[in-house]
Amino acid sequence: MVEQEQHIATDDARAGATPHVVRYVLAISLALAVVAMLLVIWR
């Protein structure tokens, strides 16, 4: 017996919400890392 492929909508397949907070965290972390490296080099 061959099983048929199951198609699930993207929203139904997700385990939870996907807010855009991760983008902000990554951007802020990158900015802080650059500032920290500049302070280390500058001193």
PDB file of N, CA and C in Angstrom:
ATOM      1  N   MET A   1       0.837  -1.177   0.000  1.00  0.00           N
ATOM      2  CA  MET A   1       0.000   0.000   0.000  1.00  0.00           C
ATOM      3  C   MET A   1       0.889   1.250   0.000  1.00  0.00           C
ATOM      4  N   VAL A   2       0.646   2.147  -0.918  1.00  0.00           N
ATOM      5  CA  VAL A   2       1.423   3.379  -1.037  1.00  0.00           C
ATOM      6  C   VAL A   2       0.670   4.488  -0.319  1.00  0.00           C
ATOM      7  N   GLU A   3       1.376   5.127   0.613  1.00  0.00           N
ATOM      8  CA  GLU A   3       0.749   6.226   1.348  1.00  0.00           C
ATOM      9  C   GLU A   3       0.837   7.502   0.535  1.00  0.00           C
ATOM     10  N   GLN A   4      -0.209   8.307   0.589  1.00  0.00           N
ATOM     11  CA  GLN A   4      -0.210   9.569  -0.135  1.00  0.00           C
ATOM     12  C   GLN A   4       0.552  10.624   0.671  1.00  0.00           C
ATOM     13  N   GLU A   5       1.185  11.534  -0.061  1.00  0.00           N
ATOM     14  CA  GLU A   5       1.928  12.612   0.573  1.00  0.00           C
ATOM     15  C   GLU A   5       0.948  13.579   1.223  1.00  0.00           C
ATOM     16  N   GLN A   6       1.272  14.006   2.435  1.00  0.00           N
ATOM     17  CA  GLN A   6       0.392  14.899   3.168  1.00  0.00           C
ATOM     18  C   GLN A   6       0.898  16.331   3.040  1.00  0.00           C
ATOM     19  N   HIS A   7       0.019  17.237   2.665  1.00  0.00           N
ATOM     20  CA  HIS A   7       0.373  18.653   2.526  1.00  0.00           C
ATOM     21  C   HIS A   7      -0.319  19.440   3.630  1.00  0.00           C
ATOM     22  N   ILE A   8       0.491  20.200   4.364  1.00  0.00           N
ATOM     23  CA  ILE A   8      -0.034  21.010   5.465  1.00  0.00           C
ATOM     24  C   ILE A   8       0.314  22.463   5.178  1.00  0.00           C
ATOM     25  N   ALA A   9      -0.617  23.350   5.427  1.00  0.00           N
ATOM     26  CA  ALA A   9      -0.375  24.780   5.224  1.00  0.00           C
ATOM     27  C   ALA A   9       0.738  25.255   6.165  1.00  0.00           C
ATOM     28  N   THR A  10       1.472  26.278   5.735  1.00  0.00           N
ATOM     29  CA  THR A  10       2.606  26.780   6.514  1.00  0.00           C
ATOM     30  C   THR A  10       2.189  27.205   7.914  1.00  0.00           C
ATOM     31  N   ASP A  11       1.083  27.934   8.011  1.00  0.00           N
ATOM     32  CA  ASP A  11       0.625  28.400   9.324  1.00  0.00           C
ATOM     33  C   ASP A  11       0.234  27.238  10.234  1.00  0.00           C
ATOM     34  N   ASP A  12      -0.323  26.194   9.658  1.00  0.00           N
ATOM     35  CA  ASP A  12      -0.716  25.036  10.459  1.00  0.00           C
ATOM     36  C   ASP A  12       0.491  24.211  10.882  1.00  0.00           C
ATOM     37  N   ALA A  13       1.545  24.234  10.091  1.00  0.00           N
ATOM     38  CA  ALA A  13       2.724  23.412  10.383  1.00  0.00           C
ATOM     39  C   ALA A  13       3.638  24.044  11.437  1.00  0.00           C
ATOM     40  N   ARG A  14       3.536  25.341  11.641  1.00  0.00           N
ATOM     41  CA  ARG A  14       4.400  26.020  12.608  1.00  0.00           C
ATOM     42  C   ARG A  14       4.024  25.627  14.023  1.00  0.00           C
ATOM     43  N   ALA A  15       5.055  25.539  14.878  1.00  0.00           N
ATOM     44  CA  ALA A  15       4.827  25.152  16.267  1.00  0.00           C
ATOM     45  C   ALA A  15       4.360  26.333  17.119  1.00  0.00           C
ATOM     46  N   GLY A  16       4.679  27.532  16.694  1.00  0.00           N
ATOM     47  CA  GLY A  16       4.286  28.696  17.493  1.00  0.00           C
ATOM     48  C   GLY A  16       4.346  29.957  16.663  1.00  0.00           C
ATOM     49  N   ALA A  17       4.258  31.069  17.338  1.00  0.00           N
ATOM     50  CA  ALA A  17       4.302  32.358  16.660  1.00  0.00           C
ATOM     51  C   ALA A  17       5.723  32.670  16.218  1.00  0.00           C
ATOM     52  N   THR A  18       5.839  33.485  15.194  1.00  0.00           N
ATOM     53  CA  THR A  18       7.160  33.875  14.710  1.00  0.00           C
ATOM     54  C   THR A  18       7.251  35.400  14.682  1.00  0.00           C
ATOM     55  N   PRO A  19       7.417  36.015  15.844  1.00  0.00           N
ATOM     56  CA  PRO A  19       7.539  37.475  15.866  1.00  0.00           C
ATOM     57  C   PRO A  19       8.896  37.909  15.300  1.00  0.00           C
ATOM     58  N   HIS A  20       9.005  39.152  14.962  1.00  0.00           N
ATOM     59  CA  HIS A  20      10.235  39.661  14.360  1.00  0.00           C
ATOM     60  C   HIS A  20      11.212  40.180  15.411  1.00  0.00           C
ATOM     61  N   VAL A  21      11.066  39.741  16.643  1.00  0.00           N
ATOM     62  CA  VAL A  21      11.935  40.182  17.730  1.00  0.00           C
ATOM     63  C   VAL A  21      13.365  39.718  17.489  1.00  0.00           C
ATOM     64  N   VAL A  22      13.535  38.575  16.872  1.00  0.00           N
ATOM     65  CA  VAL A  22      14.867  38.013  16.643  1.00  0.00           C
ATOM     66  C   VAL A  22      15.711  38.962  15.798  1.00  0.00           C
ATOM     67  N   ARG A  23      15.095  39.595  14.819  1.00  0.00           N
ATOM     68  CA  ARG A  23      15.834  40.549  13.977  1.00  0.00           C
ATOM     69  C   ARG A  23      16.393  41.677  14.813  1.00  0.00           C
ATOM     70  N   TYR A  24      15.578  42.206  15.714  1.00  0.00           N
ATOM     71  CA  TYR A  24      16.029  43.316  16.545  1.00  0.00           C
ATOM     72  C   TYR A  24      17.127  42.875  17.502  1.00  0.00           C
ATOM     73  N   VAL A  25      16.992  41.707  18.070  1.00  0.00           N
ATOM     74  CA  VAL A  25      18.015  41.193  18.991  1.00  0.00           C
ATOM     75  C   VAL A  25      19.336  41.014  18.250  1.00  0.00           C
ATOM     76  N   LEU A  26      19.296  40.450  17.057  1.00  0.00           N
ATOM     77  CA  LEU A  26      20.517  40.262  16.282  1.00  0.00           C
ATOM     78  C   LEU A  26      21.140  41.589  15.889  1.00  0.00           C
ATOM     79  N   ALA A  27      20.333  42.540  15.481  1.00  0.00           N
ATOM     80  CA  ALA A  27      20.849  43.851  15.072  1.00  0.00           C
ATOM     81  C   ALA A  27      21.487  44.578  16.249  1.00  0.00           C
ATOM     82  N   ILE A  28      20.823  44.554  17.399  1.00  0.00           N
ATOM     83  CA  ILE A  28      21.361  45.228  18.582  1.00  0.00           C
ATOM     84  C   ILE A  28      22.633  44.531  19.055  1.00  0.00           C
ATOM     85  N   SER A  29      22.643  43.208  19.032  1.00  0.00           N
ATOM     86  CA  SER A  29      23.830  42.457  19.441  1.00  0.00           C
ATOM     87  C   SER A  29      25.007  42.758  18.524  1.00  0.00           C
ATOM     88  N   LEU A  30      24.753  42.818  17.229  1.00  0.00           N
ATOM     89  CA  LEU A  30      25.815  43.127  16.279  1.00  0.00           C
ATOM     90  C   LEU A  30      26.361  44.529  16.522  1.00  0.00           C
ATOM     91  N   ALA A  31      25.472  45.476  16.739  1.00  0.00           N
ATOM     92  CA  ALA A  31      25.900  46.850  16.991  1.00  0.00           C
ATOM     93  C   ALA A  31      26.732  46.935  18.269  1.00  0.00           C
ATOM     94  N   LEU A  32      26.301  46.262  19.313  1.00  0.00           N
ATOM     95  CA  LEU A  32      27.063  46.274  20.570  1.00  0.00           C
ATOM     96  C   LEU A  32      28.422  45.600  20.411  1.00  0.00           C
ATOM     97  N   ALA A  33      28.484  44.545  19.635  1.00  0.00           N
ATOM     98  CA  ALA A  33      29.758  43.861  19.397  1.00  0.00           C
ATOM     99  C   ALA A  33      30.716  44.764  18.631  1.00  0.00           C
ATOM    100  N   VAL A  34      30.205  45.480  17.644  1.00  0.00           N
ATOM    101  CA  VAL A  34      31.052  46.397  16.874  1.00  0.00           C
ATOM    102  C   VAL A  34      31.562  47.516  17.768  1.00  0.00           C
ATOM    103  N   VAL A  35      30.700  48.083  18.583  1.00  0.00           N
ATOM    104  CA  VAL A  35      31.097  49.148  19.503  1.00  0.00           C
ATOM    105  C   VAL A  35      32.148  48.632  20.488  1.00  0.00           C
ATOM    106  N   ALA A  36      31.958  47.443  21.018  1.00  0.00           N
ATOM    107  CA  ALA A  36      32.921  46.863  21.966  1.00  0.00           C
ATOM    108  C   ALA A  36      34.275  46.662  21.298  1.00  0.00           C
ATOM    109  N   MET A  37      34.283  46.157  20.077  1.00  0.00           N
ATOM    110  CA  MET A  37      35.552  45.951  19.364  1.00  0.00           C
ATOM    111  C   MET A  37      36.228  47.287  19.071  1.00  0.00           C
ATOM    112  N   LEU A  38      35.448  48.297  18.703  1.00  0.00           N
ATOM    113  CA  LEU A  38      36.043  49.614  18.465  1.00  0.00           C
ATOM    114  C   LEU A  38      36.653  50.189  19.738  1.00  0.00           C
ATOM    115  N   LEU A  39      35.990  49.975  20.863  1.00  0.00           N
ATOM    116  CA  LEU A  39      36.540  50.455  22.144  1.00  0.00           C
ATOM    117  C   LEU A  39      37.830  49.733  22.500  1.00  0.00           C
ATOM    118  N   VAL A  40      37.903  48.454  22.217  1.00  0.00           N
ATOM    119  CA  VAL A  40      39.113  47.681  22.504  1.00  0.00           C
ATOM    120  C   VAL A  40      40.256  48.146  21.615  1.00  0.00           C
ATOM    121  N   ILE A  41      39.972  48.371  20.349  1.00  0.00           N
ATOM    122  CA  ILE A  41      41.008  48.808  19.409  1.00  0.00           C
ATOM    123  C   ILE A  41      41.437  50.245  19.711  1.00  0.00           C
ATOM    124  N   TRP A  42      40.480  51.095  20.062  1.00  0.00           N
ATOM    125  CA  TRP A  42      40.734  52.502  20.293  1.00  0.00           C
ATOM    126  C   TRP A  42      41.602  52.739  21.524  1.00  0.00           C
ATOM    127  N   ARG A  43      41.451  51.900  22.545  1.00  0.00           N
ATOM    128  CA  ARG A  43      42.211  52.101  23.789  1.00  0.00           C
ATOM    129  C   ARG A  43      43.573  51.552  23.705  1.00  0.00           C
TER     130      ARG A  43
END
